[in-house]
Amino acid sequence: MEFKFDLHTHTIASGHAYSTVQEMAKAAADKGLELLGITEHAKGIPGTCDEIYFHNMRIIPRKMYGIDLMFGSEINIIDYDGSLSMDAELIEKTLDIRIAGIHTPCYEIGSVAQNTQAYVKAIENPMIDIISHPDDARIPIDYETIVDAAKENHTLLEINNSSLDCLSSRVNAWENLQIMLRLCEEKNVLVVADTDSHISTAVGVFDHVEVLLKEMNFPEELVVNRSVDLLKQEILKHREIRKIGRP
């Protein structure tokens, strides 16, 4: 399939990545993407940017090299109640795209029930659009519960290309993503593919994701990367949950 966008990427501002905003945008344009998301790590990750960085993102153009840009953050889930490492006001006022994930420096790994609850609470949070890399066997979860929650809340579950790379520190991502994708197909739940790029050469490179999707014969219509309009519709549906009164 043709991937029209890549929403989860990091620049030098995240502290352990190696390209600038302009370099990432140029790489995305060269790959033929229509949209790039730049989502710096929130506080809790060693070396990442201070909150003033997010406040000042308003000055960055939302279009470069002919492609659209969205700026946001990969926010840490920090406890079993799905609490986040960024204040709600900062999220809502400054971030175009909101990703939440578990990173071991910021989270004490618990039982399957505890880890699952942490993810579900983040999924239910209308401020969070995407759950990043829910694939690491070091953080065991109940995938059926996660997928059911994602379906109900129109929150996108991520297929992370970086997780599938042999250099990744995450464990059994391939097997766990197979479990998750089978459930998503069964329950008709949309997913999003991202590269989690930390250098411009990785932007828009979905090589491992493509192999996984092909091997599983996963339906293209359930991958939102095929359409920027579809992505925006799903994000809007999710954020509208608050307005219709769901807790």
Protein backbone atom coordinates (compact mmCIF):
# COMPACT_ATOMS: atom_id res chain seq x y z
CA MET A 1 0.00 0.00 0.00
CA GLU A 2 1.00 3.64 -0.32
CA PHE A 3 1.72 5.35 2.99
CA LYS A 4 0.62 8.98 2.75
CA PHE A 5 1.97 10.13 6.12
CA ASP A 6 4.28 9.39 9.03
CA LEU A 7 3.10 10.89 12.33
CA HIS A 8 5.59 9.67 14.94
CA THR A 9 9.09 11.12 14.50
CA HIS A 10 11.68 12.89 16.65
CA THR A 11 14.22 15.64 16.02
CA ILE A 12 17.34 16.69 17.93
CA ALA A 13 15.01 18.38 20.44
CA SER A 14 14.17 14.95 21.90
CA GLY A 15 17.74 14.59 23.09
CA HIS A 16 18.64 11.26 21.48
CA ALA A 17 17.69 11.94 17.86
CA TYR A 18 19.93 13.36 15.18
CA SER A 19 18.12 15.56 12.62
CA THR A 20 16.47 18.98 12.59
CA VAL A 21 12.88 19.90 11.76
CA GLN A 22 13.92 21.06 8.30
CA GLU A 23 15.91 17.88 7.63
CA MET A 24 12.99 15.70 8.69
CA ALA A 25 10.54 17.69 6.55
CA LYS A 26 12.81 17.55 3.50
CA ALA A 27 13.20 13.80 3.92
CA ALA A 28 9.42 13.37 4.12
CA ALA A 29 8.95 15.43 0.96
CA ASP A 30 11.61 13.41 -0.84
CA LYS A 31 9.76 10.21 0.14
CA GLY A 32 6.56 11.60 -1.40
CA LEU A 33 4.62 11.89 1.85
CA GLU A 34 1.71 14.31 2.10
CA LEU A 35 1.96 14.86 5.87
CA LEU A 36 4.65 14.56 8.53
CA GLY A 37 4.15 14.55 12.27
CA ILE A 38 6.99 15.60 14.55
CA THR A 39 6.33 14.43 18.08
CA GLU A 40 9.09 15.20 20.55
CA HIS A 41 9.39 13.27 23.78
CA ALA A 42 7.70 14.83 26.79
CA LYS A 43 9.45 15.27 30.13
CA GLY A 44 10.63 12.08 31.79
CA ILE A 45 12.86 10.96 28.92
CA PRO A 46 16.49 11.89 29.65
CA GLY A 47 17.69 14.87 27.61
CA THR A 48 14.40 15.85 26.03
CA CYS A 49 13.16 19.41 25.57
CA ASP A 50 11.64 21.64 28.22
CA GLU A 51 7.96 22.58 28.09
CA ILE A 52 8.84 25.98 26.61
CA TYR A 53 9.71 24.12 23.40
CA PHE A 54 6.10 23.01 23.01
CA HIS A 55 4.76 26.46 23.84
CA ASN A 56 6.92 27.97 21.08
CA MET A 57 6.00 25.46 18.35
CA ARG A 58 3.38 27.93 17.17
CA ILE A 59 6.14 29.79 15.30
CA ILE A 60 6.99 26.80 13.07
CA PRO A 61 5.37 26.77 9.61
CA ARG A 62 2.80 24.02 9.13
CA LYS A 63 3.95 23.52 5.56
CA MET A 64 7.50 22.94 4.30
CA TYR A 65 8.86 21.56 1.04
CA GLY A 66 5.29 21.17 -0.22
CA ILE A 67 4.05 18.89 2.57
CA ASP A 68 1.86 19.54 5.60
CA LEU A 69 3.35 19.35 9.08
CA MET A 70 1.78 18.54 12.44
CA PHE A 71 3.73 19.17 15.65
CA GLY A 72 3.06 17.37 18.89
CA SER A 73 4.52 15.09 21.49
CA GLU A 74 4.97 11.48 22.47
CA ILE A 75 3.77 11.78 26.06
CA ASN A 76 4.65 9.25 28.74
CA ILE A 77 2.02 7.14 30.47
CA ILE A 78 3.39 7.21 34.01
CA ASP A 79 1.11 5.05 36.17
CA TYR A 80 -1.62 2.41 36.14
CA ASP A 81 -4.32 5.10 36.01
CA GLY A 82 -3.03 6.30 32.65
CA SER A 83 -1.73 9.59 34.02
CA LEU A 84 0.37 11.58 31.57
CA SER A 85 3.70 13.36 31.87
CA MET A 86 2.29 16.56 30.38
CA ASP A 87 -0.35 18.90 31.73
CA ALA A 88 -3.73 18.88 30.01
CA GLU A 89 -3.58 22.62 29.32
CA LEU A 90 -0.24 22.28 27.53
CA ILE A 91 -1.53 19.33 25.49
CA GLU A 92 -4.68 21.07 24.36
CA LYS A 93 -3.15 24.48 23.68
CA THR A 94 0.06 23.48 21.91
CA LEU A 95 -0.11 20.04 20.29
CA ASP A 96 -1.47 19.30 16.81
CA ILE A 97 -0.98 15.57 17.32
CA ARG A 98 -1.00 13.74 20.67
CA ILE A 99 0.67 10.35 21.16
CA ALA A 100 0.95 8.47 24.45
CA GLY A 101 3.12 5.48 25.24
CA ILE A 102 4.86 3.58 27.97
CA HIS A 103 8.62 4.05 28.30
CA THR A 104 10.43 2.08 30.96
CA PRO A 105 12.35 5.07 32.41
CA CYS A 106 8.99 6.65 33.31
CA TYR A 107 6.85 3.68 34.34
CA GLU A 108 7.05 0.85 36.85
CA ILE A 109 6.05 -2.30 34.98
CA GLY A 110 3.14 -4.02 36.65
CA SER A 111 0.91 -7.03 36.13
CA VAL A 112 -1.01 -7.69 32.91
CA ALA A 113 -4.10 -6.16 34.53
CA GLN A 114 -2.22 -3.06 35.72
CA ASN A 115 -0.44 -2.46 32.41
CA THR A 116 -3.66 -3.00 30.48
CA GLN A 117 -5.49 -0.52 32.70
CA ALA A 118 -2.74 2.08 32.13
CA TYR A 119 -3.18 1.79 28.37
CA VAL A 120 -6.98 1.74 28.51
CA LYS A 121 -7.12 4.91 30.59
CA ALA A 122 -4.87 6.65 28.04
CA ILE A 123 -7.00 5.30 25.18
CA GLU A 124 -10.12 6.72 26.84
CA ASN A 125 -8.50 10.14 27.26
CA PRO A 126 -9.91 12.38 24.49
CA MET A 127 -6.68 14.37 24.44
CA ILE A 128 -4.69 11.35 23.17
CA ASP A 129 -4.97 10.44 19.48
CA ILE A 130 -2.51 7.53 19.17
CA ILE A 131 -1.04 4.86 21.45
CA SER A 132 2.60 4.33 20.56
CA HIS A 133 4.27 0.91 20.28
CA PRO A 134 1.92 -1.23 22.42
CA ASP A 135 4.07 -4.20 21.42
CA ASP A 136 6.79 -4.78 24.01
CA ALA A 137 6.64 -8.12 25.84
CA ARG A 138 8.47 -6.51 28.76
CA ILE A 139 5.17 -4.68 29.40
CA PRO A 140 2.61 -7.52 29.09
CA ILE A 141 -0.97 -6.53 28.28
CA ASP A 142 -4.34 -8.04 27.36
CA TYR A 143 -4.60 -7.19 23.67
CA GLU A 144 -8.31 -7.91 23.32
CA THR A 145 -9.12 -5.38 26.04
CA ILE A 146 -6.84 -2.81 24.40
CA VAL A 147 -8.38 -3.31 20.96
CA ASP A 148 -11.93 -3.13 22.33
CA ALA A 149 -11.11 0.16 24.07
CA ALA A 150 -9.51 1.56 20.91
CA LYS A 151 -12.61 0.69 18.89
CA GLU A 152 -14.97 2.32 21.36
CA ASN A 153 -12.92 5.51 21.64
CA HIS A 154 -11.63 5.89 18.05
CA THR A 155 -8.08 5.91 19.39
CA LEU A 156 -5.46 4.68 16.94
CA LEU A 157 -3.15 1.82 17.87
CA GLU A 158 0.30 2.06 16.32
CA ILE A 159 2.29 -0.40 14.23
CA ASN A 160 5.77 0.89 14.96
CA ASN A 161 8.34 0.20 12.27
CA SER A 162 11.19 0.80 14.71
CA SER A 163 9.87 -1.88 17.07
CA LEU A 164 10.22 -4.44 14.29
CA ASP A 165 13.83 -3.57 13.55
CA CYS A 166 16.53 -5.94 14.79
CA LEU A 167 18.16 -3.01 16.60
CA SER A 168 15.09 -2.35 18.75
CA SER A 169 15.26 -2.88 22.50
CA ARG A 170 11.59 -3.92 22.53
CA VAL A 171 10.91 -7.63 22.96
CA ASN A 172 8.68 -9.90 20.80
CA ALA A 173 7.14 -6.96 18.95
CA TRP A 174 6.53 -9.00 15.81
CA GLU A 175 4.55 -11.66 17.66
CA ASN A 176 2.62 -9.16 19.74
CA LEU A 177 1.70 -7.03 16.74
CA GLN A 178 0.40 -10.15 15.00
CA ILE A 179 -1.92 -10.75 17.96
CA MET A 180 -3.04 -7.13 17.97
CA LEU A 181 -3.62 -6.99 14.21
CA ARG A 182 -5.62 -10.22 14.15
CA LEU A 183 -7.93 -8.73 16.76
CA CYS A 184 -8.12 -5.43 14.87
CA GLU A 185 -9.12 -7.26 11.71
CA GLU A 186 -11.69 -9.35 13.55
CA LYS A 187 -13.22 -6.30 15.24
CA ASN A 188 -12.78 -3.86 12.33
CA VAL A 189 -10.47 -1.50 14.25
CA LEU A 190 -8.29 1.04 12.45
CA VAL A 191 -4.53 1.18 13.04
CA VAL A 192 -1.79 3.63 12.13
CA ALA A 193 1.73 2.82 10.93
CA ASP A 194 4.59 5.06 12.06
CA THR A 195 8.35 4.94 11.75
CA ASP A 196 9.32 6.40 15.14
CA SER A 197 12.22 7.96 13.22
CA HIS A 198 15.09 9.46 15.19
CA ILE A 199 17.02 10.45 12.06
CA SER A 200 15.87 11.83 8.72
CA THR A 201 16.94 8.77 6.72
CA ALA A 202 14.27 6.71 8.50
CA VAL A 203 11.35 9.05 7.78
CA GLY A 204 8.70 7.38 5.64
CA VAL A 205 10.51 4.02 5.64
CA PHE A 206 7.90 1.36 6.43
CA ASP A 207 9.91 -1.65 5.32
CA HIS A 208 9.22 -3.90 8.34
CA VAL A 209 5.59 -2.81 8.59
CA GLU A 210 5.02 -3.66 4.94
CA VAL A 211 6.39 -7.18 5.43
CA LEU A 212 4.20 -7.72 8.49
CA LEU A 213 1.02 -6.46 6.83
CA LYS A 214 1.68 -8.52 3.71
CA GLU A 215 2.45 -11.65 5.69
CA MET A 216 -0.82 -11.28 7.59
CA ASN A 217 -2.82 -10.20 4.54
CA PHE A 218 -4.08 -7.36 6.71
CA PRO A 219 -6.83 -5.28 5.04
CA GLU A 220 -5.53 -1.98 3.65
CA GLU A 221 -8.82 -0.29 4.51
CA LEU A 222 -7.98 -0.66 8.20
CA VAL A 223 -4.68 1.24 7.86
CA VAL A 224 -5.34 4.98 8.12
CA ASN A 225 -2.06 5.88 6.38
CA ARG A 226 -3.79 5.40 3.05
CA SER A 227 -5.63 8.73 3.48
CA VAL A 228 -4.87 11.99 5.28
CA ASP A 229 -8.60 12.80 5.26
CA LEU A 230 -9.38 9.49 6.98
CA LEU A 231 -6.76 10.24 9.63
CA LYS A 232 -8.25 13.65 10.36
CA GLN A 233 -11.76 12.18 10.55
CA GLU A 234 -10.67 9.61 13.12
CA ILE A 235 -8.85 12.18 15.24
CA LEU A 236 -11.93 14.40 15.20
CA LYS A 237 -14.21 11.49 16.20
CA HIS A 238 -11.94 10.70 19.11
CA ARG A 239 -11.70 14.26 20.37
CA GLU A 240 -15.47 14.69 20.05
CA ILE A 241 -16.00 11.98 22.67
CA ARG A 242 -15.74 14.59 25.44
CA LYS A 243 -18.50 16.66 23.82
CA ILE A 244 -20.97 13.78 23.69
CA GLY A 245 -20.57 13.23 27.39
CA ARG A 246 -18.69 9.97 27.60
CA PRO A 247 -16.59 9.79 30.81
